Amino acid sequence: MVPDVSTGSRTYGLLAYLYGPGRRDEHTDPHLVAAWMPELAPDPGRDPAATLKQLTDRLDLPVLALPKNRRPARHVWHCPVRTAPGDRHLSDTEWAEVARRIVHATGIAEYGDDKACRWIAVRHADDHIHIVATLKREDGRSPRRHQDGIRAQAECRKIEKEWGLQILNEGDGTAAQRPTSAERAKAERTGRPEPARETLREHVRQALAGATDEAEFFRRLTEAGLRLDVRRAPSGDALGYKVALPGDRNRDGQPIWFPGSRLAPDLSLPQIRRRLQDGPTEDEALSAVRPVERPARARRTATHAAEQSVTQLAVGDDAVVAAQLVGIGELLDAVAQTAPASSRRELTEAARAFERATRSHVRAEHAEHRALRSAARGIVRAGNALGKGEDGGTTAMLLSTLTLATIAAIRWHSARGHAQQAAAARQAAEHLRIAYRTTSTTPMATMREQGRQLPETQRDRYAHTVEDALPERARRLQQEPGWDALTATLAQAEQAGHAPERMLQRAIEWRELETADNVSDVLVWRLRRIADLPAVPGPSRTATTRRAPRVRPRTPQDPTWTLTVQPDPNNPRRPGHRS
């Protein structure tokens, strides 16, 4: 059951909408189910003689009785309450009880208070009601409605438990403010895919991802096409900022501004400064890389930072973990805005969802996420990835690790009772899985084909290597789609001069594998990063080697050497050895 508290200034306009046909004729049989005094509240939905003006005048009477200088500018309190999809349809009597409990819990009209605010509850659909009140009591005072949204949520959780409805996640006051019903209606009316508030929040997050200082942050906002207004002190120092979408204006033709603090609690200028004070260092190594190679190099570097973050999420104290979550959020924002078209939508949704998982009441030690912020900066500076070749392979490598990071975030939040944050991380993980499958299709197919081309004796040897390292998982690993890619990776690591047994043990010991959907995929990317192998390997030379053996001597230090195997009579467990 979801309540959504907002305020406005036009009682008649809101009632006209509630009793009207709806924007798509979705309103059916609008009528009152409850009121402050049912005998004093005319119902234009069921009484042909009642009018919207009569109902408006009755609700507004305590406000209009005051001198104009004492009337609140936004005197209309509005709270739609909706059941969750799949819940049973409540009766009018049950909805009336919901309305009375909500206005009592929020301080609008407490039980037994004959001087409380006037209110009504209108039903025009099976799954929700709208509670409307005017914010002046009968005695002329204002209601005590501090944290009315949080109290409405708490009362809904009680109702859900008592009535056997779906129990939704409890809020903790750290979520970003949701768009109001008026903002949603305007977006629909103007043809925008979402309310301006949500678009601006995403742009501000992306501008902050990896930014070095305030100047760069403000520059990125203007480069994103936003209107920006920075409030400055006489000294020239910024005191605050607000942003607006071009063309988004009010009825007076003025831009509709949103300060950062109204977009999200952590997007106010003081909070941004806390994050920037331990900002990323310049990545000089990236500057030396050819432009065509920069996205791949930046993603490989980011994978290493994400791997370290997964470890911190498992073993770090709460302040460190909170900072790591913020850093993972920035990294997701950076990846989303530079992703190829094939995966950008899913990555954008992952970043949006995870944004909720970055905020809790745990105070973050921001210096602890410096590596992640540097990685995010490197990705933004490197530019858009092409989605193929090494770009695509390193993106898959990074997404595999980021999926593990979101799973670690789910565990951390769940252990501390952060229900909304855990749900947000879970949603982000699902989007990341989809993006990973899209991105990894080509490089994994290439590696699987190379693994299938290896001689059977060599494949058997790697099977025994995996069985020695993971005796309980080896059989299941060989049944996964990524098994052939894993054998190809072990062969290429060995060809590069690494011992497969030692490399595999390093990959396993780095982090538990219980949370991995496909253990073979995770091991492939870990091995390729540890051994510094290309994310997308070149054509296999195995078949060519068997047709035309080399005549010159080969050594493990020779980058062109290939592996052949011969039976090992001294060790029946190992079907072959190097020759």
Protein backbone atom coordinates (compact mmCIF):
# COMPACT_ATOMS: atom_id res chain seq x y z
CA MET A 1 0.00 0.00 0.00
CA VAL A 2 1.62 3.21 -1.18
CA PRO A 3 0.72 6.72 0.10
CA ASP A 4 2.08 9.80 -1.67
CA VAL A 5 1.76 13.10 0.23
CA SER A 6 1.94 16.43 -1.60
CA THR A 7 0.51 19.96 -1.28
CA GLY A 8 -1.06 22.39 -3.73
CA SER A 9 -3.02 25.62 -4.00
CA ARG A 10 -6.20 24.84 -5.99
CA THR A 11 -8.89 22.77 -4.30
CA TYR A 12 -11.35 23.09 -7.18
CA GLY A 13 -8.78 22.02 -9.81
CA LEU A 14 -7.87 18.89 -7.86
CA LEU A 15 -11.52 17.95 -7.31
CA ALA A 16 -12.29 18.51 -11.00
CA TYR A 17 -9.60 15.98 -11.85
CA LEU A 18 -10.71 13.45 -9.24
CA TYR A 19 -14.34 13.59 -10.33
CA GLY A 20 -13.51 13.87 -14.03
CA PRO A 21 -13.01 11.12 -16.61
CA GLY A 22 -9.24 10.94 -16.17
CA ARG A 23 -6.64 11.50 -18.84
CA ARG A 24 -7.53 8.27 -20.60
CA ASP A 25 -11.09 7.82 -19.38
CA GLU A 26 -9.72 5.56 -16.63
CA HIS A 27 -11.83 7.08 -13.83
CA THR A 28 -14.99 5.05 -13.20
CA ASP A 29 -17.78 5.90 -10.77
CA PRO A 30 -15.99 8.66 -8.77
CA HIS A 31 -17.60 9.03 -5.34
CA LEU A 32 -16.90 9.82 -1.71
CA VAL A 33 -16.08 6.95 0.63
CA ALA A 34 -15.35 9.08 3.72
CA ALA A 35 -15.29 12.70 4.92
CA TRP A 36 -14.68 14.78 8.04
CA MET A 37 -18.47 14.99 8.49
CA PRO A 38 -20.29 13.01 5.79
CA GLU A 39 -23.49 15.00 6.29
CA LEU A 40 -21.66 18.25 5.45
CA ALA A 41 -19.76 16.94 2.42
CA PRO A 42 -21.77 16.97 -0.84
CA ASP A 43 -20.82 14.19 -3.28
CA PRO A 44 -20.91 15.35 -6.93
CA GLY A 45 -20.35 11.75 -8.01
CA ARG A 46 -23.49 10.26 -6.50
CA ASP A 47 -25.75 13.30 -5.84
CA PRO A 48 -27.00 14.97 -9.04
CA ALA A 49 -27.75 18.15 -7.10
CA ALA A 50 -24.22 18.46 -5.67
CA THR A 51 -21.55 20.49 -7.48
CA LEU A 52 -17.78 20.69 -7.35
CA LYS A 53 -18.02 24.32 -6.21
CA GLN A 54 -20.20 23.37 -3.25
CA LEU A 55 -17.70 20.73 -2.17
CA THR A 56 -14.79 23.13 -2.70
CA ASP A 57 -16.45 25.86 -0.61
CA ARG A 58 -17.17 23.44 2.26
CA LEU A 59 -13.57 22.19 2.33
CA ASP A 60 -12.04 25.66 2.03
CA LEU A 61 -14.28 27.39 4.59
CA PRO A 62 -11.74 27.36 7.48
CA VAL A 63 -9.12 28.83 5.12
CA LEU A 64 -11.40 31.50 3.67
CA ALA A 65 -12.49 32.52 7.18
CA LEU A 66 -8.97 33.78 7.89
CA PRO A 67 -7.57 37.17 6.88
CA LYS A 68 -5.76 36.93 3.56
CA ASN A 69 -2.36 37.48 5.16
CA ARG A 70 -2.87 34.37 7.32
CA ARG A 71 -3.96 32.00 4.58
CA PRO A 72 -1.31 29.47 3.57
CA ALA A 73 -0.10 29.74 -0.03
CA ARG A 74 -0.38 25.96 -0.47
CA HIS A 75 -3.41 25.04 1.57
CA VAL A 76 -4.42 21.79 -0.21
CA TRP A 77 -3.11 18.50 1.24
CA HIS A 78 -3.33 15.56 -1.17
CA CYS A 79 -2.52 11.91 -0.45
CA PRO A 80 -3.35 9.17 -2.95
CA VAL A 81 -3.21 5.70 -1.36
CA ARG A 82 -2.84 2.70 -3.67
CA THR A 83 -2.76 -1.02 -3.02
CA ALA A 84 0.07 -3.09 -4.52
CA PRO A 85 -0.49 -5.00 -7.78
CA GLY A 86 -1.98 -8.37 -6.96
CA ASP A 87 -3.69 -7.24 -3.74
CA ARG A 88 -7.41 -7.85 -3.40
CA HIS A 89 -9.79 -4.96 -4.10
CA LEU A 90 -10.89 -3.25 -0.90
CA SER A 91 -14.51 -2.32 -0.33
CA ASP A 92 -15.70 1.27 0.13
CA THR A 93 -16.03 0.57 3.86
CA GLU A 94 -12.43 -0.65 4.04
CA TRP A 95 -11.14 2.33 2.06
CA ALA A 96 -13.03 4.64 4.42
CA GLU A 97 -11.21 3.01 7.35
CA VAL A 98 -7.87 3.45 5.51
CA ALA A 99 -8.61 7.16 4.99
CA ARG A 100 -9.54 7.73 8.66
CA ARG A 101 -6.37 5.97 9.82
CA ILE A 102 -4.16 7.98 7.44
CA VAL A 103 -5.55 11.40 8.44
CA HIS A 104 -5.22 10.42 12.11
CA ALA A 105 -1.63 9.16 11.73
CA THR A 106 -0.49 12.24 9.78
CA GLY A 107 -2.02 14.82 12.16
CA ILE A 108 -4.60 16.07 9.66
CA ALA A 109 -7.57 14.89 11.73
CA GLU A 110 -6.79 12.92 14.87
CA TYR A 111 -9.48 10.77 16.45
CA GLY A 112 -11.79 12.77 18.74
CA ASP A 113 -10.54 16.19 17.59
CA ASP A 114 -13.64 18.20 16.64
CA LYS A 115 -11.49 21.16 15.53
CA ALA A 116 -9.40 19.19 13.04
CA CYS A 117 -8.91 19.92 9.35
CA ARG A 118 -11.69 19.17 6.88
CA TRP A 119 -10.99 16.26 4.59
CA ILE A 120 -12.58 13.87 2.10
CA ALA A 121 -11.62 10.58 0.43
CA VAL A 122 -12.58 10.04 -3.22
CA ARG A 123 -12.56 6.67 -4.96
CA HIS A 124 -12.60 6.45 -8.75
CA ALA A 125 -10.79 3.12 -9.31
CA ASP A 126 -10.65 -0.31 -7.71
CA ASP A 127 -7.09 -0.04 -6.38
CA HIS A 128 -6.80 3.43 -4.84
CA ILE A 129 -8.38 6.45 -3.19
CA HIS A 130 -7.40 10.14 -3.02
CA ILE A 131 -7.50 11.89 0.35
CA VAL A 132 -7.91 15.68 0.09
CA ALA A 133 -7.72 18.09 3.06
CA THR A 134 -7.39 21.82 3.60
CA LEU A 135 -4.53 22.84 5.88
CA LYS A 136 -6.34 25.02 8.40
CA ARG A 137 -8.18 23.62 11.37
CA GLU A 138 -11.63 24.78 12.43
CA ASP A 139 -9.96 26.91 15.13
CA GLY A 140 -7.74 28.64 12.55
CA ARG A 141 -4.52 26.88 13.55
CA SER A 142 -2.33 24.78 11.28
CA PRO A 143 -2.20 21.00 11.80
CA ARG A 144 0.88 19.39 13.30
CA ARG A 145 1.93 17.25 10.36
CA HIS A 146 5.70 16.98 10.79
CA GLN A 147 7.01 14.04 8.70
CA ASP A 148 3.47 13.30 7.54
CA GLY A 149 4.75 11.27 4.59
CA ILE A 150 6.80 8.98 6.85
CA ARG A 151 3.89 8.57 9.26
CA ALA A 152 1.53 7.74 6.39
CA GLN A 153 3.99 5.05 5.23
CA ALA A 154 4.21 3.59 8.75
CA GLU A 155 0.42 3.41 9.05
CA CYS A 156 0.17 1.68 5.67
CA ARG A 157 2.64 -0.97 6.85
CA LYS A 158 0.39 -1.63 9.87
CA ILE A 159 -2.70 -1.91 7.66
CA GLU A 160 -0.91 -4.33 5.33
CA LYS A 161 0.00 -6.64 8.21
CA GLU A 162 -3.45 -6.50 9.79
CA TRP A 163 -5.38 -7.02 6.55
CA GLY A 164 -3.16 -9.61 4.87
CA LEU A 165 -2.02 -7.34 2.03
CA GLN A 166 1.44 -7.34 0.48
CA ILE A 167 3.89 -5.89 2.99
CA LEU A 168 6.01 -3.34 1.16
CA ASN A 169 9.44 -2.14 2.23
CA GLU A 170 9.59 0.43 4.99
CA GLY A 171 11.13 3.80 4.22
CA ASP A 172 13.86 5.38 6.34
CA GLY A 173 13.73 9.01 5.20
CA THR A 174 16.81 8.79 2.97
CA ALA A 175 15.04 8.38 -0.38
CA ALA A 176 14.98 11.13 -2.97
CA GLN A 177 11.74 13.06 -3.17
CA ARG A 178 9.39 11.46 -5.65
CA PRO A 179 7.67 13.53 -8.36
CA THR A 180 4.34 14.94 -7.28
CA SER A 181 1.14 13.97 -9.05
CA ALA A 182 1.17 17.42 -10.70
CA GLU A 183 4.69 16.84 -12.02
CA ARG A 184 3.69 13.45 -13.40
CA ALA A 185 0.59 14.92 -15.00
CA LYS A 186 2.64 17.68 -16.64
CA ALA A 187 5.14 15.18 -18.07
CA GLU A 188 2.28 13.18 -19.56
CA ARG A 189 0.62 16.32 -20.92
CA THR A 190 3.80 17.63 -22.54
CA GLY A 191 4.89 14.27 -23.96
CA ARG A 192 7.99 13.86 -21.77
CA PRO A 193 8.89 10.27 -20.88
CA GLU A 194 9.27 11.18 -17.19
CA PRO A 195 8.85 14.14 -14.83
CA ALA A 196 11.51 16.85 -15.00
CA ARG A 197 12.69 16.08 -11.47
CA GLU A 198 13.82 12.57 -12.44
CA THR A 199 15.57 13.70 -15.63
CA LEU A 200 17.42 16.42 -13.74
CA ARG A 201 18.44 14.03 -10.96
CA GLU A 202 20.01 11.67 -13.48
CA HIS A 203 21.89 14.48 -15.27
CA VAL A 204 23.23 15.84 -11.96
CA ARG A 205 24.42 12.37 -10.88
CA GLN A 206 26.16 11.82 -14.20
CA ALA A 207 27.81 15.26 -14.04
CA LEU A 208 29.14 14.40 -10.59
CA ALA A 209 30.51 10.98 -11.59
CA GLY A 210 34.30 11.28 -11.35
CA ALA A 211 34.30 15.11 -11.33
CA THR A 212 37.45 16.62 -9.82
CA ASP A 213 36.03 19.87 -8.42
CA GLU A 214 33.00 22.17 -8.41
CA ALA A 215 34.06 23.95 -11.56
CA GLU A 216 34.12 20.71 -13.54
CA PHE A 217 30.79 19.64 -12.02
CA PHE A 218 29.10 22.90 -13.03
CA ARG A 219 30.68 22.75 -16.49
CA ARG A 220 29.34 19.24 -17.05
CA LEU A 221 25.85 20.39 -16.09
CA THR A 222 25.85 23.09 -18.75
CA GLU A 223 27.40 20.73 -21.30
CA ALA A 224 24.50 18.35 -20.64
CA GLY A 225 22.16 21.13 -21.81
CA LEU A 226 20.70 22.08 -18.42
CA ARG A 227 19.93 25.59 -17.27
CA LEU A 228 22.19 26.30 -14.30
CA ASP A 229 21.93 29.05 -11.68
CA VAL A 230 24.73 29.23 -9.10
CA ARG A 231 24.11 31.42 -6.04
CA ARG A 232 27.37 33.08 -5.02
CA ALA A 233 28.66 35.06 -2.06
CA PRO A 234 30.29 38.49 -2.56
CA SER A 235 33.62 36.65 -2.45
CA GLY A 236 32.60 34.64 -5.51
CA ASP A 237 32.29 31.36 -3.62
CA ALA A 238 29.29 29.23 -4.57
CA LEU A 239 26.61 29.03 -1.87
CA GLY A 240 24.24 26.74 -3.74
CA TYR A 241 22.96 25.80 -7.16
CA LYS A 242 19.75 24.97 -8.95
CA VAL A 243 18.99 23.45 -12.34
CA ALA A 244 16.10 23.46 -14.80
CA LEU A 245 15.25 21.76 -18.06
CA PRO A 246 15.18 24.03 -21.12
CA GLY A 247 11.59 24.82 -21.99
CA ASP A 248 10.20 23.66 -18.63
CA ARG A 249 8.33 26.73 -17.40
CA ASN A 250 5.51 27.58 -15.04
CA ARG A 251 2.30 29.40 -15.93
CA ASP A 252 4.11 32.74 -15.60
CA GLY A 253 6.70 31.70 -18.17
CA GLN A 254 9.51 31.35 -15.61
CA PRO A 255 11.91 28.36 -15.55
CA ILE A 256 11.00 25.69 -13.00
CA TRP A 257 14.14 25.41 -10.89
CA PHE A 258 15.15 22.49 -8.70
CA PRO A 259 17.88 22.99 -6.08
CA GLY A 260 20.13 19.98 -5.70
CA SER A 261 18.73 19.23 -2.24
CA ARG A 262 15.24 18.84 -3.75
CA LEU A 263 16.52 16.29 -6.25
CA ALA A 264 18.14 14.04 -3.65
CA PRO A 265 19.55 14.47 -0.12
CA ASP A 266 23.11 13.80 -1.31
CA LEU A 267 22.98 16.25 -4.25
CA SER A 268 22.99 19.45 -2.20
CA LEU A 269 26.16 21.53 -2.66
CA PRO A 270 27.49 20.83 0.87
CA GLN A 271 27.09 17.07 0.34
CA ILE A 272 28.71 17.27 -3.09
CA ARG A 273 31.64 19.15 -1.58
CA ARG A 274 32.13 16.39 0.98
CA ARG A 275 32.35 13.91 -1.86
CA LEU A 276 34.71 16.08 -3.92
CA GLN A 277 37.15 16.92 -1.14
CA ASP A 278 38.79 13.51 -1.54
CA GLY A 279 38.31 13.43 -5.29
CA PRO A 280 40.12 11.33 -7.89
CA THR A 281 43.63 11.96 -9.07
CA GLU A 282 44.38 12.55 -12.73
CA ASP A 283 44.93 9.33 -14.62
CA GLU A 284 48.16 10.13 -16.39
CA ALA A 285 48.51 6.55 -17.62
CA LEU A 286 45.29 6.88 -19.58
CA SER A 287 46.59 10.00 -21.31
CA ALA A 288 49.45 8.01 -22.78
CA VAL A 289 47.15 5.42 -24.36
CA ARG A 290 46.02 5.81 -27.95
CA PRO A 291 42.49 7.30 -28.10
CA VAL A 292 41.08 4.20 -29.79
CA GLU A 293 42.31 2.06 -26.86
CA ARG A 294 41.20 4.33 -24.03
CA PRO A 295 37.68 2.99 -23.32
CA ALA A 296 39.01 -0.57 -23.02
CA ARG A 297 41.91 0.44 -20.80
CA ALA A 298 39.63 2.55 -18.58
CA ARG A 299 37.21 -0.35 -18.16
CA ARG A 300 39.98 -2.78 -17.28
CA THR A 301 41.26 -0.34 -14.64
CA ALA A 302 37.71 0.11 -13.34
CA THR A 303 37.31 -3.67 -13.04
CA HIS A 304 40.26 -3.80 -10.68
CA ALA A 305 38.76 -0.99 -8.55
CA ALA A 306 35.39 -2.76 -8.51
CA GLU A 307 37.05 -6.02 -7.43
CA GLN A 308 38.65 -4.27 -4.47
CA SER A 309 35.30 -2.70 -3.65
CA VAL A 310 33.57 -6.09 -3.55
CA THR A 311 36.08 -7.18 -0.92
CA GLN A 312 35.45 -4.03 1.13
CA LEU A 313 31.69 -4.56 0.91
CA ALA A 314 32.20 -7.94 2.55
CA VAL A 315 34.73 -7.09 5.27
CA GLY A 316 34.81 -3.28 5.72
CA ASP A 317 33.21 -1.41 8.61
CA ASP A 318 29.93 0.40 7.97
CA ALA A 319 31.44 3.81 7.18
CA VAL A 320 33.81 2.27 4.65
CA VAL A 321 31.05 0.22 3.03
CA ALA A 322 28.77 3.27 2.79
CA ALA A 323 31.53 5.08 0.89
CA GLN A 324 32.09 2.09 -1.38
CA LEU A 325 28.38 2.08 -2.26
CA VAL A 326 28.58 5.74 -3.25
CA GLY A 327 31.62 4.95 -5.39
CA ILE A 328 29.89 1.99 -7.08
CA GLY A 329 26.98 4.32 -7.84
CA GLU A 330 29.32 6.81 -9.51
CA LEU A 331 30.98 4.05 -11.48
CA LEU A 332 27.59 2.84 -12.73
CA ASP A 333 26.68 6.40 -13.75
CA ALA A 334 29.94 6.69 -15.68
CA VAL A 335 29.47 3.34 -17.44
CA ALA A 336 25.84 4.12 -18.30
CA GLN A 337 26.58 7.43 -19.98
CA THR A 338 29.42 5.99 -22.09
CA ALA A 339 27.87 2.60 -22.91
CA PRO A 340 27.08 1.52 -26.49
CA ALA A 341 23.47 1.70 -27.64
CA SER A 342 22.98 -2.06 -27.26
CA SER A 343 23.34 -1.95 -23.47
CA ARG A 344 22.86 1.71 -22.55
CA ARG A 345 19.20 1.41 -21.58
CA GLU A 346 19.76 -1.45 -19.14
CA LEU A 347 22.83 0.20 -17.65
CA THR A 348 20.96 3.48 -17.23
CA GLU A 349 18.19 1.63 -15.39
CA ALA A 350 20.79 -0.17 -13.26
CA ALA A 351 22.39 3.15 -12.29
CA ARG A 352 19.00 4.67 -11.50
CA ALA A 353 17.99 1.75 -9.32
CA PHE A 354 21.31 1.55 -7.48
CA GLU A 355 21.14 5.26 -6.67
CA ARG A 356 18.67 4.37 -3.90
CA ALA A 357 21.11 1.79 -2.53
CA THR A 358 23.81 4.44 -2.06
CA ARG A 359 21.91 6.32 0.67
CA SER A 360 21.27 5.24 4.23
CA HIS A 361 21.72 6.71 7.68
CA VAL A 362 25.28 5.33 7.81
CA ARG A 363 27.72 8.22 7.38
CA ALA A 364 30.22 7.48 4.60
CA GLU A 365 33.96 7.97 4.88
CA HIS A 366 34.32 9.44 1.39
CA ALA A 367 38.10 9.08 1.25
CA GLU A 368 37.51 5.34 1.06
CA HIS A 369 36.01 5.50 -2.43
CA ARG A 370 38.76 7.47 -4.12
CA ALA A 371 39.79 4.56 -6.36
CA LEU A 372 36.22 4.11 -7.59
CA ARG A 373 35.85 7.84 -8.31
CA SER A 374 39.13 7.77 -10.21
CA ALA A 375 37.86 4.80 -12.22
CA ALA A 376 34.62 6.64 -12.98
CA ARG A 377 36.59 9.67 -14.10
CA GLY A 378 38.76 7.52 -16.34
CA ILE A 379 35.71 6.01 -18.02
CA VAL A 380 34.11 9.41 -18.63
CA ARG A 381 37.36 10.87 -19.97
CA ALA A 382 37.95 7.89 -22.25
CA GLY A 383 34.66 8.53 -24.05
CA ASN A 384 32.03 6.23 -25.47
CA ALA A 385 32.77 2.54 -25.91
CA LEU A 386 32.06 0.96 -29.28
CA GLY A 387 30.48 -2.18 -27.89
CA LYS A 388 32.64 -4.52 -29.94
CA GLY A 389 36.21 -5.78 -29.96
CA GLU A 390 38.24 -5.06 -26.85
CA ASP A 391 35.76 -2.35 -25.79
CA GLY A 392 32.96 -4.88 -25.67
CA GLY A 393 35.07 -7.52 -23.95
CA THR A 394 36.33 -5.23 -21.20
CA THR A 395 32.80 -3.90 -20.69
CA ALA A 396 31.62 -7.48 -20.11
CA MET A 397 34.55 -7.99 -17.74
CA LEU A 398 33.51 -4.89 -15.76
CA LEU A 399 29.80 -5.73 -15.74
CA SER A 400 30.51 -9.21 -14.38
CA THR A 401 32.30 -7.64 -11.42
CA LEU A 402 29.71 -4.89 -10.92
CA THR A 403 27.02 -7.56 -10.71
CA LEU A 404 28.93 -9.18 -7.85
CA ALA A 405 29.24 -5.74 -6.22
CA THR A 406 25.48 -5.20 -6.31
CA ILE A 407 24.93 -8.66 -4.82
CA ALA A 408 27.35 -7.80 -2.03
CA ALA A 409 25.37 -4.57 -1.50
CA ILE A 410 22.14 -6.58 -1.22
CA ARG A 411 23.71 -8.70 1.51
CA TRP A 412 25.04 -5.70 3.44
CA HIS A 413 21.76 -3.78 3.36
CA SER A 414 19.67 -6.87 4.15
CA ALA A 415 21.80 -7.66 7.20
CA ARG A 416 21.07 -4.16 8.55
CA GLY A 417 17.37 -4.08 7.80
CA HIS A 418 17.66 -1.54 4.96
CA ALA A 419 14.74 -2.99 3.03
CA GLN A 420 14.37 -0.29 0.38
CA GLN A 421 18.09 -0.14 -0.33
CA ALA A 422 18.34 -3.93 -0.60
CA ALA A 423 15.40 -3.98 -3.01
CA ALA A 424 17.02 -1.23 -5.10
CA ALA A 425 20.32 -3.13 -5.29
CA ARG A 426 18.44 -6.28 -6.26
CA GLN A 427 16.74 -4.39 -9.10
CA ALA A 428 20.09 -2.98 -10.25
CA ALA A 429 21.58 -6.48 -10.29
CA GLU A 430 18.84 -7.71 -12.61
CA HIS A 431 19.49 -4.89 -15.08
CA LEU A 432 23.23 -5.57 -14.90
CA ARG A 433 22.68 -9.26 -15.65
CA ILE A 434 20.73 -8.36 -18.79
CA ALA A 435 23.38 -5.87 -19.90
CA TYR A 436 26.13 -8.43 -19.24
CA ARG A 437 24.42 -11.09 -21.34
CA THR A 438 24.11 -8.63 -24.21
CA THR A 439 27.70 -7.44 -23.94
CA SER A 440 29.39 -10.80 -23.36
CA THR A 441 27.71 -12.74 -26.17
CA THR A 442 30.40 -12.18 -28.82
CA PRO A 443 33.60 -12.49 -26.71
CA MET A 444 32.30 -15.55 -24.86
CA ALA A 445 31.28 -17.21 -28.13
CA THR A 446 34.79 -16.62 -29.49
CA MET A 447 36.41 -18.15 -26.42
CA ARG A 448 34.03 -21.11 -26.36
CA GLU A 449 34.94 -21.92 -29.95
CA GLN A 450 38.64 -21.69 -29.12
CA GLY A 451 38.15 -23.97 -26.13
CA ARG A 452 36.39 -26.56 -28.25
CA GLN A 453 39.33 -26.56 -30.70
CA LEU A 454 41.85 -27.56 -28.02
CA PRO A 455 43.13 -31.16 -28.15
CA GLU A 456 41.14 -33.50 -25.91
CA THR A 457 44.21 -34.33 -23.83
CA GLN A 458 44.73 -30.65 -23.10
CA ARG A 459 41.05 -30.14 -22.24
CA ASP A 460 41.22 -33.14 -19.91
CA ARG A 461 44.26 -31.72 -18.18
CA TYR A 462 42.45 -28.46 -17.48
CA ALA A 463 39.44 -30.42 -16.26
CA HIS A 464 41.68 -32.11 -13.68
CA THR A 465 43.17 -28.73 -12.77
CA VAL A 466 39.70 -27.35 -12.04
CA GLU A 467 38.73 -30.52 -10.16
CA ASP A 468 41.77 -30.19 -7.92
CA ALA A 469 40.98 -26.53 -7.21
CA LEU A 470 37.19 -26.81 -6.90
CA PRO A 471 36.37 -30.47 -6.17
CA GLU A 472 32.76 -29.75 -5.17
CA ARG A 473 32.00 -27.55 -8.17
CA ALA A 474 34.00 -29.13 -10.98
CA ARG A 475 31.22 -31.31 -12.40
CA ARG A 476 28.71 -28.45 -12.40
CA LEU A 477 31.28 -26.11 -13.92
CA GLN A 478 31.77 -28.45 -16.87
CA GLN A 479 28.05 -28.29 -17.56
CA GLU A 480 27.93 -24.48 -17.69
CA PRO A 481 27.93 -22.67 -21.07
CA GLY A 482 31.18 -20.91 -20.15
CA TRP A 483 33.20 -24.09 -19.58
CA ASP A 484 34.83 -24.08 -23.02
CA ALA A 485 35.68 -20.39 -22.58
CA LEU A 486 37.35 -21.24 -19.27
CA THR A 487 39.52 -23.94 -20.87
CA ALA A 488 40.49 -21.52 -23.64
CA THR A 489 41.44 -18.91 -21.04
CA LEU A 490 43.55 -21.37 -19.07
CA ALA A 491 45.34 -22.37 -22.29
CA GLN A 492 46.02 -18.74 -23.23
CA ALA A 493 47.24 -17.95 -19.71
CA GLU A 494 49.60 -20.92 -19.92
CA GLN A 495 50.77 -19.82 -23.36
CA ALA A 496 51.56 -16.41 -21.87
CA GLY A 497 53.88 -18.06 -19.35
CA HIS A 498 51.57 -18.50 -16.35
CA ALA A 499 51.00 -21.72 -14.41
CA PRO A 500 47.29 -22.59 -14.82
CA GLU A 501 47.05 -24.16 -11.36
CA ARG A 502 48.48 -21.10 -9.63
CA MET A 503 46.40 -18.65 -11.69
CA LEU A 504 43.20 -20.56 -11.06
CA GLN A 505 43.88 -20.69 -7.33
CA ARG A 506 44.42 -16.91 -7.27
CA ALA A 507 41.14 -16.34 -9.09
CA ILE A 508 39.27 -18.59 -6.65
CA GLU A 509 40.82 -17.17 -3.50
CA TRP A 510 40.19 -13.57 -4.50
CA ARG A 511 36.49 -13.75 -3.63
CA GLU A 512 33.82 -16.36 -2.86
CA LEU A 513 31.85 -17.72 -5.78
CA GLU A 514 28.57 -18.52 -4.03
CA THR A 515 26.84 -15.41 -5.38
CA ALA A 516 27.89 -15.93 -9.00
CA ASP A 517 25.19 -16.98 -11.47
CA ASN A 518 27.78 -18.55 -13.78
CA VAL A 519 30.97 -19.44 -11.96
CA SER A 520 32.79 -20.25 -15.18
CA ASP A 521 32.09 -16.76 -16.57
CA VAL A 522 33.33 -15.11 -13.38
CA LEU A 523 36.53 -17.19 -13.45
CA VAL A 524 37.09 -16.39 -17.13
CA TRP A 525 37.09 -12.64 -16.50
CA ARG A 526 39.12 -12.88 -13.31
CA LEU A 527 41.77 -14.96 -15.04
CA ARG A 528 41.92 -12.67 -18.05
CA ARG A 529 42.39 -9.65 -15.83
CA ILE A 530 44.95 -11.29 -13.52
CA ALA A 531 46.95 -12.65 -16.46
CA ASP A 532 46.51 -9.40 -18.41
CA LEU A 533 45.03 -11.30 -21.35
CA PRO A 534 43.00 -9.51 -24.05
CA ALA A 535 39.30 -9.44 -23.19
CA VAL A 536 38.57 -10.52 -26.77
CA PRO A 537 41.26 -13.03 -27.83
CA GLY A 538 42.54 -13.18 -31.37
CA PRO A 539 42.01 -16.17 -33.67
CA SER A 540 43.11 -19.49 -32.22
CA ARG A 541 46.25 -21.01 -33.72
CA THR A 542 45.67 -24.48 -32.31
CA ALA A 543 44.34 -26.06 -35.47
CA THR A 544 47.04 -24.46 -37.58
CA THR A 545 49.70 -25.75 -35.22
CA ARG A 546 48.49 -29.30 -35.59
CA ARG A 547 48.53 -29.07 -39.39
CA ALA A 548 51.93 -27.41 -39.68
CA PRO A 549 54.18 -27.91 -36.64
CA ARG A 550 56.87 -25.36 -36.07
CA VAL A 551 60.44 -26.46 -36.71
CA ARG A 552 62.24 -23.87 -34.61
CA PRO A 553 62.63 -24.43 -30.83
CA ARG A 554 59.97 -22.89 -28.58
CA THR A 555 60.23 -21.65 -25.02
CA PRO A 556 57.64 -20.39 -22.56
CA GLN A 557 59.09 -16.89 -23.02
CA ASP A 558 58.32 -16.97 -26.75
CA PRO A 559 54.99 -15.09 -27.25
CA THR A 560 54.18 -17.27 -30.29
CA TRP A 561 54.62 -20.64 -28.64
CA THR A 562 51.64 -23.01 -28.48
CA LEU A 563 50.87 -25.92 -26.24
CA THR A 564 50.87 -29.56 -27.20
CA VAL A 565 50.34 -32.49 -24.88
CA GLN A 566 51.70 -36.00 -24.61
CA PRO A 567 50.67 -38.87 -22.33
CA ASP A 568 52.31 -38.80 -18.91
CA PRO A 569 52.91 -42.41 -17.81
CA ASN A 570 54.20 -41.31 -14.39
CA ASN A 571 50.97 -39.62 -13.29
CA PRO A 572 47.66 -41.22 -14.27
CA ARG A 573 45.78 -38.24 -12.83
CA ARG A 574 47.35 -35.87 -15.33
CA PRO A 575 46.81 -36.85 -18.94
CA GLY A 576 49.69 -34.88 -20.29
CA HIS A 577 52.62 -32.52 -19.77
CA ARG A 578 54.27 -29.70 -21.64
CA SER A 579 56.53 -30.53 -24.55
